[in-house]
PDB file of N, CA and C in Angstrom:
ATOM      1  N   MET A   1      14.287 -13.321  -0.503  1.00  0.00           N
ATOM      2  CA  MET A   1      14.451 -14.842  -0.331  1.00  0.00           C
ATOM      3  C   MET A   1      13.598 -15.133   0.907  1.00  0.00           C
ATOM      4  N   LYS A   2      12.844 -16.330   0.458  1.00  0.00           N
ATOM      5  CA  LYS A   2      11.992 -16.647   1.832  1.00  0.00           C
ATOM      6  C   LYS A   2      12.984 -17.795   2.489  1.00  0.00           C
ATOM      7  N   SER A   3      12.460 -17.397   4.125  1.00  0.00           N
ATOM      8  CA  SER A   3      13.124 -18.399   5.061  1.00  0.00           C
ATOM      9  C   SER A   3      12.237 -19.009   5.887  1.00  0.00           C
ATOM     10  N   LYS A   4      12.236 -19.965   6.487  1.00  0.00           N
ATOM     11  CA  LYS A   4      11.427 -20.540   7.589  1.00  0.00           C
ATOM     12  C   LYS A   4      11.418 -20.172   8.704  1.00  0.00           C
ATOM     13  N   LEU A   5      10.780 -19.630   9.535  1.00  0.00           N
ATOM     14  CA  LEU A   5      11.063 -19.094  10.955  1.00  0.00           C
ATOM     15  C   LEU A   5      10.188 -19.819  11.688  1.00  0.00           C
ATOM     16  N   THR A   6      10.538 -20.250  12.939  1.00  0.00           N
ATOM     17  CA  THR A   6       9.692 -20.983  14.314  1.00  0.00           C
ATOM     18  C   THR A   6       9.187 -20.366  15.262  1.00  0.00           C
ATOM     19  N   LEU A   7       8.176 -20.212  15.696  1.00  0.00           N
ATOM     20  CA  LEU A   7       7.649 -19.123  16.358  1.00  0.00           C
ATOM     21  C   LEU A   7       6.969 -20.117  17.717  1.00  0.00           C
ATOM     22  N   SER A   8       7.223 -19.949  18.969  1.00  0.00           N
ATOM     23  CA  SER A   8       6.261 -20.519  20.169  1.00  0.00           C
ATOM     24  C   SER A   8       5.388 -19.764  20.336  1.00  0.00           C
ATOM     25  N   ILE A   9       4.149 -20.343  20.356  1.00  0.00           N
ATOM     26  CA  ILE A   9       2.749 -19.643  20.353  1.00  0.00           C
ATOM     27  C   ILE A   9       1.817 -20.526  20.808  1.00  0.00           C
ATOM     28  N   GLU A  10       1.142 -20.123  21.886  1.00  0.00           N
ATOM     29  CA  GLU A  10       0.083 -20.936  22.383  1.00  0.00           C
ATOM     30  C   GLU A  10      -0.824 -21.422  21.138  1.00  0.00           C
ATOM     31  N   GLY A  11      -1.427 -22.521  21.796  1.00  0.00           N
ATOM     32  CA  GLY A  11      -2.361 -23.298  20.521  1.00  0.00           C
ATOM     33  C   GLY A  11      -3.418 -22.397  20.020  1.00  0.00           C
ATOM     34  N   ASN A  12      -4.120 -21.857  21.027  1.00  0.00           N
ATOM     35  CA  ASN A  12      -5.162 -21.104  20.757  1.00  0.00           C
ATOM     36  C   ASN A  12      -5.087 -20.054  19.731  1.00  0.00           C
ATOM     37  N   VAL A  13      -3.982 -19.377  20.129  1.00  0.00           N
ATOM     38  CA  VAL A  13      -3.380 -17.977  19.119  1.00  0.00           C
ATOM     39  C   VAL A  13      -3.231 -18.692  17.675  1.00  0.00           C
ATOM     40  N   ILE A  14      -2.144 -19.522  17.670  1.00  0.00           N
ATOM     41  CA  ILE A  14      -2.345 -20.299  16.395  1.00  0.00           C
ATOM     42  C   ILE A  14      -3.666 -20.347  15.880  1.00  0.00           C
ATOM     43  N   GLN A  15      -4.523 -21.344  16.497  1.00  0.00           N
ATOM     44  CA  GLN A  15      -5.826 -21.507  15.764  1.00  0.00           C
ATOM     45  C   GLN A  15      -6.669 -20.154  15.376  1.00  0.00           C
ATOM     46  N   GLU A  16      -6.294 -19.152  16.221  1.00  0.00           N
ATOM     47  CA  GLU A  16      -7.056 -17.849  15.956  1.00  0.00           C
ATOM     48  C   GLU A  16      -6.473 -17.286  14.724  1.00  0.00           C
ATOM     49  N   ALA A  17      -4.923 -17.323  14.674  1.00  0.00           N
ATOM     50  CA  ALA A  17      -4.183 -16.660  13.478  1.00  0.00           C
ATOM     51  C   ALA A  17      -5.047 -17.329  11.895  1.00  0.00           C
ATOM     52  N   LYS A  18      -4.997 -18.698  11.902  1.00  0.00           N
ATOM     53  CA  LYS A  18      -5.150 -19.380  11.063  1.00  0.00           C
ATOM     54  C   LYS A  18      -6.608 -19.215  10.363  1.00  0.00           C
ATOM     55  N   GLU A  19      -7.499 -18.980  11.528  1.00  0.00           N
ATOM     56  CA  GLU A  19      -8.882 -18.585  11.069  1.00  0.00           C
ATOM     57  C   GLU A  19      -9.048 -17.181  10.463  1.00  0.00           C
ATOM     58  N   LEU A  20      -8.423 -16.213  11.085  1.00  0.00           N
ATOM     59  CA  LEU A  20      -8.255 -15.028  10.759  1.00  0.00           C
ATOM     60  C   LEU A  20      -7.835 -14.829   9.096  1.00  0.00           C
ATOM     61  N   ALA A  21      -6.699 -15.600   8.882  1.00  0.00           N
ATOM     62  CA  ALA A  21      -6.116 -15.506   7.915  1.00  0.00           C
ATOM     63  C   ALA A  21      -6.959 -16.203   6.795  1.00  0.00           C
ATOM     64  N   LYS A  22      -7.834 -17.194   7.000  1.00  0.00           N
ATOM     65  CA  LYS A  22      -8.629 -17.657   6.172  1.00  0.00           C
ATOM     66  C   LYS A  22      -9.791 -16.822   5.981  1.00  0.00           C
ATOM     67  N   GLU A  23     -10.499 -15.997   6.898  1.00  0.00           N
ATOM     68  CA  GLU A  23     -11.476 -14.944   6.808  1.00  0.00           C
ATOM     69  C   GLU A  23     -10.839 -13.937   6.026  1.00  0.00           C
ATOM     70  N   ASN A  24      -9.448 -13.608   5.912  1.00  0.00           N
ATOM     71  CA  ASN A  24      -9.197 -12.507   4.919  1.00  0.00           C
ATOM     72  C   ASN A  24      -8.216 -12.975   3.645  1.00  0.00           C
ATOM     73  N   ASP A  25      -8.359 -14.272   3.168  1.00  0.00           N
ATOM     74  CA  ASP A  25      -7.985 -14.761   2.224  1.00  0.00           C
ATOM     75  C   ASP A  25      -6.430 -14.687   2.180  1.00  0.00           C
ATOM     76  N   THR A  26      -5.968 -14.891   3.272  1.00  0.00           N
ATOM     77  CA  THR A  26      -4.473 -14.556   3.045  1.00  0.00           C
ATOM     78  C   THR A  26      -3.671 -15.948   3.931  1.00  0.00           C
ATOM     79  N   THR A  27      -2.549 -15.851   3.974  1.00  0.00           N
ATOM     80  CA  THR A  27      -1.796 -16.816   4.782  1.00  0.00           C
ATOM     81  C   THR A  27      -1.461 -16.467   6.115  1.00  0.00           C
ATOM     82  N   VAL A  28      -1.245 -16.929   7.403  1.00  0.00           N
ATOM     83  CA  VAL A  28      -0.318 -16.603   8.418  1.00  0.00           C
ATOM     84  C   VAL A  28       0.874 -15.874   8.207  1.00  0.00           C
ATOM     85  N   SER A  29       1.547 -16.264   7.397  1.00  0.00           N
ATOM     86  CA  SER A  29       2.888 -15.841   7.089  1.00  0.00           C
ATOM     87  C   SER A  29       2.771 -14.561   6.489  1.00  0.00           C
ATOM     88  N   GLN A  30       1.792 -14.341   5.524  1.00  0.00           N
ATOM     89  CA  GLN A  30       1.658 -12.870   4.695  1.00  0.00           C
ATOM     90  C   GLN A  30       1.003 -12.143   5.950  1.00  0.00           C
ATOM     91  N   MET A  31       0.361 -12.365   6.782  1.00  0.00           N
ATOM     92  CA  MET A  31      -0.221 -11.693   8.043  1.00  0.00           C
ATOM     93  C   MET A  31       0.819 -11.461   8.838  1.00  0.00           C
ATOM     94  N   PHE A  32       1.836 -12.122   9.189  1.00  0.00           N
ATOM     95  CA  PHE A  32       3.083 -11.805   9.882  1.00  0.00           C
ATOM     96  C   PHE A  32       3.745 -10.784   9.179  1.00  0.00           C
ATOM     97  N   THR A  33       4.201 -10.898   7.779  1.00  0.00           N
ATOM     98  CA  THR A  33       4.947 -10.116   7.080  1.00  0.00           C
ATOM     99  C   THR A  33       4.291  -8.729   7.040  1.00  0.00           C
ATOM    100  N   ASP A  34       3.002  -8.612   6.784  1.00  0.00           N
ATOM    101  CA  ASP A  34       2.236  -7.317   6.867  1.00  0.00           C
ATOM    102  C   ASP A  34       2.294  -6.839   8.220  1.00  0.00           C
ATOM    103  N   PHE A  35       2.311  -7.184   9.211  1.00  0.00           N
ATOM    104  CA  PHE A  35       2.342  -6.566  10.631  1.00  0.00           C
ATOM    105  C   PHE A  35       3.515  -6.093  11.005  1.00  0.00           C
ATOM    106  N   VAL A  36       4.872  -6.637  10.435  1.00  0.00           N
ATOM    107  CA  VAL A  36       6.302  -6.456  10.772  1.00  0.00           C
ATOM    108  C   VAL A  36       6.136  -5.348   9.934  1.00  0.00           C
ATOM    109  N   GLN A  37       5.863  -5.313   8.641  1.00  0.00           N
ATOM    110  CA  GLN A  37       6.511  -4.201   7.841  1.00  0.00           C
ATOM    111  C   GLN A  37       5.295  -3.080   8.250  1.00  0.00           C
ATOM    112  N   SER A  38       4.157  -3.148   8.766  1.00  0.00           N
ATOM    113  CA  SER A  38       3.331  -2.153   9.201  1.00  0.00           C
ATOM    114  C   SER A  38       4.122  -1.447  10.659  1.00  0.00           C
ATOM    115  N   GLN A  39       4.667  -2.447  11.333  1.00  0.00           N
ATOM    116  CA  GLN A  39       5.110  -1.754  12.460  1.00  0.00           C
ATOM    117  C   GLN A  39       6.265  -0.942  12.108  1.00  0.00           C
ATOM    118  N   LYS A  40       6.998  -1.356  11.313  1.00  0.00           N
ATOM    119  CA  LYS A  40       8.463  -0.640  11.009  1.00  0.00           C
ATOM    120  C   LYS A  40       7.849   0.775  10.025  1.00  0.00           C
ATOM    121  N   LYS A  41       6.748   0.674   9.447  1.00  0.00           N
ATOM    122  CA  LYS A  41       6.337   1.995   8.800  1.00  0.00           C
ATOM    123  C   LYS A  41       5.826   3.139  10.087  1.00  0.00           C
ATOM    124  N   MET A  42       5.162   2.234  10.868  1.00  0.00           N
ATOM    125  CA  MET A  42       4.834   3.106  12.031  1.00  0.00           C
ATOM    126  C   MET A  42       5.786   3.955  12.957  1.00  0.00           C
ATOM    127  N   GLN A  43       6.981   2.855  13.267  1.00  0.00           N
ATOM    128  CA  GLN A  43       8.178   3.178  14.020  1.00  0.00           C
ATOM    129  C   GLN A  43       8.752   4.369  13.170  1.00  0.00           C
ATOM    130  N   LYS A  44       8.956   4.419  11.734  1.00  0.00           N
ATOM    131  CA  LYS A  44       9.769   5.668  11.210  1.00  0.00           C
ATOM    132  C   LYS A  44       8.625   7.001  11.363  1.00  0.00           C
ATOM    133  N   LYS A  45       7.394   6.807  11.196  1.00  0.00           N
ATOM    134  CA  LYS A  45       6.544   7.959  11.381  1.00  0.00           C
ATOM    135  C   LYS A  45       6.364   8.671  12.765  1.00  0.00           C
ATOM    136  N   LEU A  46       6.419   7.431  13.834  1.00  0.00           N
ATOM    137  CA  LEU A  46       6.669   8.093  15.357  1.00  0.00           C
ATOM    138  C   LEU A  46       8.138   8.701  15.401  1.00  0.00           C
ATOM    139  N   THR A  47       9.067   8.155  14.670  1.00  0.00           N
ATOM    140  CA  THR A  47      10.543   8.667  14.999  1.00  0.00           C
ATOM    141  C   THR A  47      10.248  10.521  14.170  1.00  0.00           C
ATOM    142  N   ALA A  48       9.863  10.215  13.223  1.00  0.00           N
ATOM    143  CA  ALA A  48       9.312  11.721  12.617  1.00  0.00           C
ATOM    144  C   ALA A  48       9.008  12.650  13.426  1.00  0.00           C
ATOM    145  N   LEU A  49       7.580  12.249  13.902  1.00  0.00           N
ATOM    146  CA  LEU A  49       6.996  12.785  14.623  1.00  0.00           C
ATOM    147  C   LEU A  49       7.629  13.455  16.047  1.00  0.00           C
ATOM    148  N   ASN A  50       8.119  12.477  16.765  1.00  0.00           N
ATOM    149  CA  ASN A  50       8.947  12.868  17.745  1.00  0.00           C
ATOM    150  C   ASN A  50       9.800  14.067  17.509  1.00  0.00           C
ATOM    151  N   LYS A  51      10.826  13.819  16.108  1.00  0.00           N
ATOM    152  CA  LYS A  51      11.744  15.012  15.927  1.00  0.00           C
ATOM    153  C   LYS A  51      11.124  16.351  16.221  1.00  0.00           C
ATOM    154  N   ILE A  52       9.751  16.469  15.478  1.00  0.00           N
ATOM    155  CA  ILE A  52       8.885  17.872  15.476  1.00  0.00           C
ATOM    156  C   ILE A  52       8.252  17.970  16.412  1.00  0.00           C
ATOM    157  N   SER A  53       8.021  17.317  17.384  1.00  0.00           N
ATOM    158  CA  SER A  53       7.097  17.496  18.366  1.00  0.00           C
ATOM    159  C   SER A  53       7.458  18.589  19.294  1.00  0.00           C
ATOM    160  N   GLY A  54       6.786  19.386  20.023  1.00  0.00           N
ATOM    161  CA  GLY A  54       6.997  20.608  20.600  1.00  0.00           C
ATOM    162  C   GLY A  54       7.473  21.926  19.657  1.00  0.00           C
ATOM    163  N   LEU A  55       7.614  21.564  18.591  1.00  0.00           N
ATOM    164  CA  LEU A  55       7.870  22.936  17.507  1.00  0.00           C
ATOM    165  C   LEU A  55       6.596  23.989  17.338  1.00  0.00           C
ATOM    166  N   ILE A  56       5.263  23.306  17.660  1.00  0.00           N
ATOM    167  CA  ILE A  56       3.942  23.994  17.352  1.00  0.00           C
ATOM    168  C   ILE A  56       3.402  23.881  18.984  1.00  0.00           C
ATOM    169  N   THR A  57       3.435  25.187  19.520  1.00  0.00           N
ATOM    170  CA  THR A  57       2.303  25.293  20.884  1.00  0.00           C
ATOM    171  C   THR A  57       0.908  24.784  20.335  1.00  0.00           C
ATOM    172  N   THR A  58       0.307  24.549  21.511  1.00  0.00           N
ATOM    173  CA  THR A  58      -1.227  24.148  21.479  1.00  0.00           C
ATOM    174  C   THR A  58      -2.008  25.473  21.550  1.00  0.00           C
ATOM    175  N   ASN A  59      -1.414  26.232  22.334  1.00  0.00           N
ATOM    176  CA  ASN A  59      -2.330  27.517  22.621  1.00  0.00           C
ATOM    177  C   ASN A  59      -1.854  28.791  21.624  1.00  0.00           C
ATOM    178  N   LEU A  60      -1.430  28.511  20.637  1.00  0.00           N
ATOM    179  CA  LEU A  60      -1.015  29.594  19.501  1.00  0.00           C
ATOM    180  C   LEU A  60      -1.826  30.433  19.182  1.00  0.00           C
ATOM    181  N   ALA A  61      -3.346  29.942  19.013  1.00  0.00           N
ATOM    182  CA  ALA A  61      -4.362  30.816  18.511  1.00  0.00           C
ATOM    183  C   ALA A  61      -5.299  31.351  19.706  1.00  0.00           C
ATOM    184  N   ALA A  62      -4.919  30.551  20.976  1.00  0.00           N
ATOM    185  CA  ALA A  62      -5.769  30.918  21.919  1.00  0.00           C
ATOM    186  C   ALA A  62      -5.274  32.260  22.893  1.00  0.00           C
ATOM    187  N   GLU A  63      -6.587  32.894  23.572  1.00  0.00           N
ATOM    188  CA  GLU A  63      -6.551  34.094  24.151  1.00  0.00           C
ATOM    189  C   GLU A  63      -5.753  33.726  25.387  1.00  0.00           C
ATOM    190  N   ASP A  64      -4.961  34.700  26.139  1.00  0.00           N
ATOM    191  CA  ASP A  64      -4.090  34.564  27.401  1.00  0.00           C
ATOM    192  C   ASP A  64      -4.988  33.766  28.281  1.00  0.00           C
ATOM    193  N   GLY A  65      -4.348  32.636  28.850  1.00  0.00           N
ATOM    194  CA  GLY A  65      -5.113  31.817  29.794  1.00  0.00           C
ATOM    195  C   GLY A  65      -6.403  30.618  29.408  1.00  0.00           C
ATOM    196  N   GLU A  66      -6.567  31.291  28.206  1.00  0.00           N
ATOM    197  CA  GLU A  66      -7.607  30.091  27.595  1.00  0.00           C
ATOM    198  C   GLU A  66      -7.074  28.891  27.120  1.00  0.00           C
ATOM    199  N   ASP A  67      -7.938  27.794  27.475  1.00  0.00           N
ATOM    200  CA  ASP A  67      -7.429  26.232  26.907  1.00  0.00           C
ATOM    201  C   ASP A  67      -7.844  26.410  25.391  1.00  0.00           C
ATOM    202  N   TYR A  68      -6.715  25.647  24.873  1.00  0.00           N
ATOM    203  CA  TYR A  68      -6.815  25.639  23.381  1.00  0.00           C
ATOM    204  C   TYR A  68      -8.249  25.071  22.665  1.00  0.00           C
ATOM    205  N   GLY A  69      -8.778  24.018  23.659  1.00  0.00           N
ATOM    206  CA  GLY A  69      -9.682  22.957  23.377  1.00  0.00           C
ATOM    207  C   GLY A  69     -11.195  23.997  23.252  1.00  0.00           C
ATOM    208  N   ASP A  70     -11.177  24.841  24.283  1.00  0.00           N
ATOM    209  CA  ASP A  70     -12.109  26.220  24.660  1.00  0.00           C
ATOM    210  C   ASP A  70     -12.035  27.116  23.556  1.00  0.00           C
ATOM    211  N   HIS A  71     -10.965  27.158  23.171  1.00  0.00           N
ATOM    212  CA  HIS A  71     -10.856  28.202  21.874  1.00  0.00           C
ATOM    213  C   HIS A  71     -11.269  27.897  20.589  1.00  0.00           C
ATOM    214  N   LEU A  72     -11.015  26.347  20.352  1.00  0.00           N
ATOM    215  CA  LEU A  72     -11.743  25.829  19.342  1.00  0.00           C
ATOM    216  C   LEU A  72     -13.320  25.869  19.174  1.00  0.00           C
ATOM    217  N   HIS A  73     -13.554  25.434  20.581  1.00  0.00           N
ATOM    218  CA  HIS A  73     -15.247  25.735  20.888  1.00  0.00           C
ATOM    219  C   HIS A  73     -15.729  26.694  20.210  1.00  0.00           C
ATOM    220  N   LYS A  74     -15.397  27.702  20.824  1.00  0.00           N
ATOM    221  CA  LYS A  74     -15.488  29.011  20.837  1.00  0.00           C
ATOM    222  C   LYS A  74     -15.944  29.479  19.454  1.00  0.00           C
ATOM    223  N   LYS A  75     -14.375  29.133  18.643  1.00  0.00           N
ATOM    224  CA  LYS A  75     -14.271  29.455  17.424  1.00  0.00           C
ATOM    225  C   LYS A  75     -15.302  29.160  16.419  1.00  0.00           C
ATOM    226  N   HIS A  76     -15.465  27.754  16.528  1.00  0.00           N
ATOM    227  CA  HIS A  76     -16.501  27.075  15.474  1.00  0.00           C
ATOM    228  C   HIS A  76     -17.774  26.914  15.800  1.00  0.00           C
ATOM    229  N   GLY A  77     -18.000  27.230  17.136  1.00  0.00           N
ATOM    230  CA  GLY A  77     -19.375  27.101  17.494  1.00  0.00           C
ATOM    231  C   GLY A  77     -20.034  25.866  17.967  1.00  0.00           C
ATOM    232  N   TRP A  78     -18.744  25.115  18.632  1.00  0.00           N
ATOM    233  CA  TRP A  78     -19.047  23.557  18.755  1.00  0.00           C
ATOM    234  C   TRP A  78     -19.672  23.530  20.113  1.00  0.00           C
ATOM    235  N   GLU A  79     -20.905  22.690  20.517  1.00  0.00           N
ATOM    236  CA  GLU A  79     -21.442  22.586  21.991  1.00  0.00           C
ATOM    237  C   GLU A  79     -20.780  21.642  22.763  1.00  0.00           C
TER     238      GLU A  79
END
């Protein structure tokens, strides 16, 4: 079910939103919907990532005292 929403936004931002919508052959309403849905998806991904963060240490394959980035450069011959 679609409902109306009233927002208080600066006039120049409204104009920019309208121009952007026109350039992308969509509507400001659809852009707002897409933005909110993408933010919700990102929030879910970040929540999952936060749950597993710290489970893998970055220096797992590096030699003692060696920075993992240095390890990767040496391993792959990156300059």
